[in-house]
Amino acid sequence: MNILLALIPISLLLLGAAIWAFLAAVRGGQFDDLDTPALDMLREDDKPAPPPSPQDRESP
């Protein structure tokens, strides 16, 4: 029963830390745009990759 005297304040501190982290993420704009990042990886690049430069090629 004495363990509850330690566990209840610890759990309240953890709850407070979780609420603080959530509010910090909301204020920081973490949840402003949830759809675009998921769709970005489905888009195809219109530009082809640039050709490798001569410095990147190794001579034999």
PDB file of N, CA and C in Angstrom:
ATOM      1  N   MET A   1       0.813  -1.195   0.000  1.00  0.00           N
ATOM      2  CA  MET A   1       0.000   0.000   0.000  1.00  0.00           C
ATOM      3  C   MET A   1       0.859   1.262   0.000  1.00  0.00           C
ATOM      4  N   ASN A   2       2.035   1.172   0.584  1.00  0.00           N
ATOM      5  CA  ASN A   2       2.915   2.335   0.621  1.00  0.00           C
ATOM      6  C   ASN A   2       3.470   2.674  -0.760  1.00  0.00           C
ATOM      7  N   ILE A   3       3.499   1.697  -1.659  1.00  0.00           N
ATOM      8  CA  ILE A   3       4.013   1.951  -2.992  1.00  0.00           C
ATOM      9  C   ILE A   3       3.121   2.938  -3.739  1.00  0.00           C
ATOM     10  N   LEU A   4       1.828   2.981  -3.394  1.00  0.00           N
ATOM     11  CA  LEU A   4       0.925   3.937  -4.033  1.00  0.00           C
ATOM     12  C   LEU A   4       1.325   5.375  -3.724  1.00  0.00           C
ATOM     13  N   LEU A   5       1.930   5.600  -2.575  1.00  0.00           N
ATOM     14  CA  LEU A   5       2.381   6.943  -2.226  1.00  0.00           C
ATOM     15  C   LEU A   5       3.500   7.407  -3.159  1.00  0.00           C
ATOM     16  N   ALA A   6       4.204   6.482  -3.778  1.00  0.00           N
ATOM     17  CA  ALA A   6       5.252   6.838  -4.736  1.00  0.00           C
ATOM     18  C   ALA A   6       4.728   6.787  -6.166  1.00  0.00           C
ATOM     19  N   LEU A   7       3.893   5.807  -6.472  1.00  0.00           N
ATOM     20  CA  LEU A   7       3.448   5.623  -7.850  1.00  0.00           C
ATOM     21  C   LEU A   7       2.468   6.697  -8.322  1.00  0.00           C
ATOM     22  N   ILE A   8       1.612   7.165  -7.452  1.00  0.00           N
ATOM     23  CA  ILE A   8       0.633   8.180  -7.862  1.00  0.00           C
ATOM     24  C   ILE A   8       1.325   9.491  -8.241  1.00  0.00           C
ATOM     25  N   PRO A   9       2.233  10.027  -7.439  1.00  0.00           N
ATOM     26  CA  PRO A   9       2.916  11.262  -7.876  1.00  0.00           C
ATOM     27  C   PRO A   9       3.769  11.056  -9.129  1.00  0.00           C
ATOM     28  N   ILE A  10       4.397   9.900  -9.244  1.00  0.00           N
ATOM     29  CA  ILE A  10       5.207   9.638 -10.446  1.00  0.00           C
ATOM     30  C   ILE A  10       4.316   9.593 -11.685  1.00  0.00           C
ATOM     31  N   SER A  11       3.169   8.947 -11.566  1.00  0.00           N
ATOM     32  CA  SER A  11       2.264   8.881 -12.712  1.00  0.00           C
ATOM     33  C   SER A  11       1.703  10.263 -13.057  1.00  0.00           C
ATOM     34  N   LEU A  12       1.450  11.085 -12.068  1.00  0.00           N
ATOM     35  CA  LEU A  12       0.976  12.442 -12.346  1.00  0.00           C
ATOM     36  C   LEU A  12       2.058  13.275 -13.023  1.00  0.00           C
ATOM     37  N   LEU A  13       3.309  13.086 -12.624  1.00  0.00           N
ATOM     38  CA  LEU A  13       4.415  13.782 -13.290  1.00  0.00           C
ATOM     39  C   LEU A  13       4.560  13.338 -14.743  1.00  0.00           C
ATOM     40  N   LEU A  14       4.430  12.039 -14.992  1.00  0.00           N
ATOM     41  CA  LEU A  14       4.507  11.540 -16.362  1.00  0.00           C
ATOM     42  C   LEU A  14       3.338  12.051 -17.206  1.00  0.00           C
ATOM     43  N   LEU A  15       2.170  12.116 -16.622  1.00  0.00           N
ATOM     44  CA  LEU A  15       1.009  12.653 -17.324  1.00  0.00           C
ATOM     45  C   LEU A  15       1.229  14.120 -17.669  1.00  0.00           C
ATOM     46  N   GLY A  16       1.750  14.872 -16.726  1.00  0.00           N
ATOM     47  CA  GLY A  16       2.042  16.284 -16.982  1.00  0.00           C
ATOM     48  C   GLY A  16       3.081  16.455 -18.080  1.00  0.00           C
ATOM     49  N   ALA A  17       4.112  15.602 -18.098  1.00  0.00           N
ATOM     50  CA  ALA A  17       5.136  15.674 -19.141  1.00  0.00           C
ATOM     51  C   ALA A  17       4.547  15.335 -20.505  1.00  0.00           C
ATOM     52  N   ALA A  18       3.653  14.361 -20.565  1.00  0.00           N
ATOM     53  CA  ALA A  18       3.025  13.992 -21.834  1.00  0.00           C
ATOM     54  C   ALA A  18       2.126  15.114 -22.349  1.00  0.00           C
ATOM     55  N   ILE A  19       1.382  15.739 -21.459  1.00  0.00           N
ATOM     56  CA  ILE A  19       0.524  16.849 -21.866  1.00  0.00           C
ATOM     57  C   ILE A  19       1.375  18.024 -22.340  1.00  0.00           C
ATOM     58  N   TRP A  20       2.461  18.314 -21.630  1.00  0.00           N
ATOM     59  CA  TRP A  20       3.360  19.397 -22.035  1.00  0.00           C
ATOM     60  C   TRP A  20       3.969  19.113 -23.415  1.00  0.00           C
ATOM     61  N   ALA A  21       4.407  17.876 -23.671  1.00  0.00           N
ATOM     62  CA  ALA A  21       4.999  17.524 -24.966  1.00  0.00           C
ATOM     63  C   ALA A  21       3.964  17.654 -26.078  1.00  0.00           C
ATOM     64  N   PHE A  22       2.739  17.242 -25.820  1.00  0.00           N
ATOM     65  CA  PHE A  22       1.682  17.363 -26.824  1.00  0.00           C
ATOM     66  C   PHE A  22       1.397  18.823 -27.131  1.00  0.00           C
ATOM     67  N   LEU A  23       1.270  19.650 -26.116  1.00  0.00           N
ATOM     68  CA  LEU A  23       0.990  21.066 -26.342  1.00  0.00           C
ATOM     69  C   LEU A  23       2.157  21.755 -27.048  1.00  0.00           C
ATOM     70  N   ALA A  24       3.378  21.370 -26.734  1.00  0.00           N
ATOM     71  CA  ALA A  24       4.538  21.941 -27.419  1.00  0.00           C
ATOM     72  C   ALA A  24       4.528  21.567 -28.894  1.00  0.00           C
ATOM     73  N   ALA A  25       4.129  20.347 -29.214  1.00  0.00           N
ATOM     74  CA  ALA A  25       4.054  19.922 -30.611  1.00  0.00           C
ATOM     75  C   ALA A  25       2.940  20.664 -31.348  1.00  0.00           C
ATOM     76  N   VAL A  26       1.820  20.892 -30.695  1.00  0.00           N
ATOM     77  CA  VAL A  26       0.715  21.620 -31.329  1.00  0.00           C
ATOM     78  C   VAL A  26       1.124  23.062 -31.575  1.00  0.00           C
ATOM     79  N   ARG A  27       1.747  23.699 -30.600  1.00  0.00           N
ATOM     80  CA  ARG A  27       2.185  25.085 -30.772  1.00  0.00           C
ATOM     81  C   ARG A  27       3.279  25.206 -31.820  1.00  0.00           C
ATOM     82  N   GLY A  28       4.095  24.176 -31.982  1.00  0.00           N
ATOM     83  CA  GLY A  28       5.172  24.193 -32.955  1.00  0.00           C
ATOM     84  C   GLY A  28       4.723  23.890 -34.366  1.00  0.00           C
ATOM     85  N   GLY A  29       3.456  23.593 -34.584  1.00  0.00           N
ATOM     86  CA  GLY A  29       2.945  23.351 -35.914  1.00  0.00           C
ATOM     87  C   GLY A  29       3.121  21.926 -36.397  1.00  0.00           C
ATOM     88  N   GLN A  30       3.372  21.009 -35.500  1.00  0.00           N
ATOM     89  CA  GLN A  30       3.597  19.613 -35.875  1.00  0.00           C
ATOM     90  C   GLN A  30       2.386  18.992 -36.566  1.00  0.00           C
ATOM     91  N   PHE A  31       1.189  19.419 -36.197  1.00  0.00           N
ATOM     92  CA  PHE A  31      -0.030  18.798 -36.712  1.00  0.00           C
ATOM     93  C   PHE A  31      -0.778  19.697 -37.690  1.00  0.00           C
ATOM     94  N   ASP A  32      -0.110  20.711 -38.250  1.00  0.00           N
ATOM     95  CA  ASP A  32      -0.784  21.635 -39.154  1.00  0.00           C
ATOM     96  C   ASP A  32      -1.182  20.978 -40.468  1.00  0.00           C
ATOM     97  N   ASP A  33      -0.292  20.192 -41.058  1.00  0.00           N
ATOM     98  CA  ASP A  33      -0.569  19.586 -42.355  1.00  0.00           C
ATOM     99  C   ASP A  33      -0.265  18.094 -42.268  1.00  0.00           C
ATOM    100  N   LEU A  34      -1.289  17.294 -42.134  1.00  0.00           N
ATOM    101  CA  LEU A  34      -1.101  15.858 -41.967  1.00  0.00           C
ATOM    102  C   LEU A  34      -1.201  15.086 -43.282  1.00  0.00           C
ATOM    103  N   ASP A  35      -1.771  15.706 -44.333  1.00  0.00           N
ATOM    104  CA  ASP A  35      -2.010  14.976 -45.578  1.00  0.00           C
ATOM    105  C   ASP A  35      -0.866  15.089 -46.576  1.00  0.00           C
ATOM    106  N   THR A  36      -0.253  16.255 -46.693  1.00  0.00           N
ATOM    107  CA  THR A  36       0.757  16.473 -47.727  1.00  0.00           C
ATOM    108  C   THR A  36       1.975  15.561 -47.593  1.00  0.00           C
ATOM    109  N   PRO A  37       2.562  15.362 -46.415  1.00  0.00           N
ATOM    110  CA  PRO A  37       3.733  14.480 -46.351  1.00  0.00           C
ATOM    111  C   PRO A  37       3.441  13.051 -46.811  1.00  0.00           C
ATOM    112  N   ALA A  38       2.248  12.568 -46.579  1.00  0.00           N
ATOM    113  CA  ALA A  38       1.917  11.212 -47.018  1.00  0.00           C
ATOM    114  C   ALA A  38       1.767  11.143 -48.532  1.00  0.00           C
ATOM    115  N   LEU A  39       1.341  12.237 -49.143  1.00  0.00           N
ATOM    116  CA  LEU A  39       1.153  12.247 -50.588  1.00  0.00           C
ATOM    117  C   LEU A  39       2.438  12.585 -51.338  1.00  0.00           C
ATOM    118  N   ASP A  40       3.399  13.216 -50.683  1.00  0.00           N
ATOM    119  CA  ASP A  40       4.646  13.599 -51.343  1.00  0.00           C
ATOM    120  C   ASP A  40       5.401  12.403 -51.891  1.00  0.00           C
ATOM    121  N   MET A  41       5.383  11.297 -51.196  1.00  0.00           N
ATOM    122  CA  MET A  41       6.146  10.155 -51.677  1.00  0.00           C
ATOM    123  C   MET A  41       5.451   9.442 -52.835  1.00  0.00           C
ATOM    124  N   LEU A  42       4.199   9.783 -53.111  1.00  0.00           N
ATOM    125  CA  LEU A  42       3.504   9.193 -54.249  1.00  0.00           C
ATOM    126  C   LEU A  42       3.697   9.987 -55.534  1.00  0.00           C
ATOM    127  N   ARG A  43       4.160  11.228 -55.406  1.00  0.00           N
ATOM    128  CA  ARG A  43       4.381  12.064 -56.582  1.00  0.00           C
ATOM    129  C   ARG A  43       5.626  11.617 -57.320  1.00  0.00           C
ATOM    130  N   GLU A  44       5.548  11.732 -58.641  1.00  0.00           N
ATOM    131  CA  GLU A  44       6.712  11.399 -59.442  1.00  0.00           C
ATOM    132  C   GLU A  44       7.493  12.670 -59.724  1.00  0.00           C
ATOM    133  N   ASP A  45       8.809  12.533 -59.776  1.00  0.00           N
ATOM    134  CA  ASP A  45       9.638  13.674 -60.105  1.00  0.00           C
ATOM    135  C   ASP A  45       9.567  13.917 -61.605  1.00  0.00           C
ATOM    136  N   ASP A  46       9.336  15.166 -61.993  1.00  0.00           N
ATOM    137  CA  ASP A  46       9.283  15.503 -63.401  1.00  0.00           C
ATOM    138  C   ASP A  46      10.675  15.650 -64.003  1.00  0.00           C
ATOM    139  N   LYS A  47      11.632  16.036 -63.192  1.00  0.00           N
ATOM    140  CA  LYS A  47      12.983  16.254 -63.690  1.00  0.00           C
ATOM    141  C   LYS A  47      13.786  14.962 -63.632  1.00  0.00           C
ATOM    142  N   PRO A  48      14.521  14.656 -64.704  1.00  0.00           N
ATOM    143  CA  PRO A  48      15.402  13.480 -64.622  1.00  0.00           C
ATOM    144  C   PRO A  48      16.612  13.801 -63.745  1.00  0.00           C
ATOM    145  N   ALA A  49      17.249  12.780 -63.271  1.00  0.00           N
ATOM    146  CA  ALA A  49      18.428  12.969 -62.434  1.00  0.00           C
ATOM    147  C   ALA A  49      19.549  13.588 -63.258  1.00  0.00           C
ATOM    148  N   PRO A  50      20.340  14.470 -62.677  1.00  0.00           N
ATOM    149  CA  PRO A  50      21.438  15.077 -63.431  1.00  0.00           C
ATOM    150  C   PRO A  50      22.500  14.030 -63.749  1.00  0.00           C
ATOM    151  N   PRO A  51      23.191  14.204 -64.894  1.00  0.00           N
ATOM    152  CA  PRO A  51      24.241  13.239 -65.231  1.00  0.00           C
ATOM    153  C   PRO A  51      25.385  13.338 -64.229  1.00  0.00           C
ATOM    154  N   PRO A  52      26.093  12.250 -64.009  1.00  0.00           N
ATOM    155  CA  PRO A  52      27.196  12.306 -63.053  1.00  0.00           C
ATOM    156  C   PRO A  52      28.310  13.211 -63.571  1.00  0.00           C
ATOM    157  N   SER A  53      28.919  13.943 -62.680  1.00  0.00           N
ATOM    158  CA  SER A  53      29.996  14.844 -63.063  1.00  0.00           C
ATOM    159  C   SER A  53      31.285  14.050 -63.285  1.00  0.00           C
ATOM    160  N   PRO A  54      32.227  14.606 -64.028  1.00  0.00           N
ATOM    161  CA  PRO A  54      33.477  13.890 -64.276  1.00  0.00           C
ATOM    162  C   PRO A  54      34.263  13.602 -62.991  1.00  0.00           C
ATOM    163  N   GLN A  55      34.066  14.405 -61.969  1.00  0.00           N
ATOM    164  CA  GLN A  55      34.759  14.191 -60.707  1.00  0.00           C
ATOM    165  C   GLN A  55      34.258  12.941 -59.998  1.00  0.00           C
ATOM    166  N   ASP A  56      32.991  12.602 -60.247  1.00  0.00           N
ATOM    167  CA  ASP A  56      32.409  11.427 -59.588  1.00  0.00           C
ATOM    168  C   ASP A  56      32.893  10.126 -60.204  1.00  0.00           C
ATOM    169  N   ARG A  57      33.310  10.182 -61.457  1.00  0.00           N
ATOM    170  CA  ARG A  57      33.785   8.970 -62.124  1.00  0.00           C
ATOM    171  C   ARG A  57      35.226   8.706 -61.738  1.00  0.00           C
ATOM    172  N   GLU A  58      35.517   7.468 -61.512  1.00  0.00           N
ATOM    173  CA  GLU A  58      36.897   7.095 -61.178  1.00  0.00           C
ATOM    174  C   GLU A  58      37.588   6.606 -62.447  1.00  0.00           C
ATOM    175  N   SER A  59      38.806   7.074 -62.643  1.00  0.00           N
ATOM    176  CA  SER A  59      39.549   6.625 -63.835  1.00  0.00           C
ATOM    177  C   SER A  59      40.314   5.358 -63.497  1.00  0.00           C
ATOM    178  N   PRO A  60      40.440   4.433 -64.480  1.00  0.00           N
ATOM    179  CA  PRO A  60      41.122   3.163 -64.203  1.00  0.00           C
ATOM    180  C   PRO A  60      42.597   3.306 -64.074  1.00  0.00           C
TER     181      PRO A  60
END
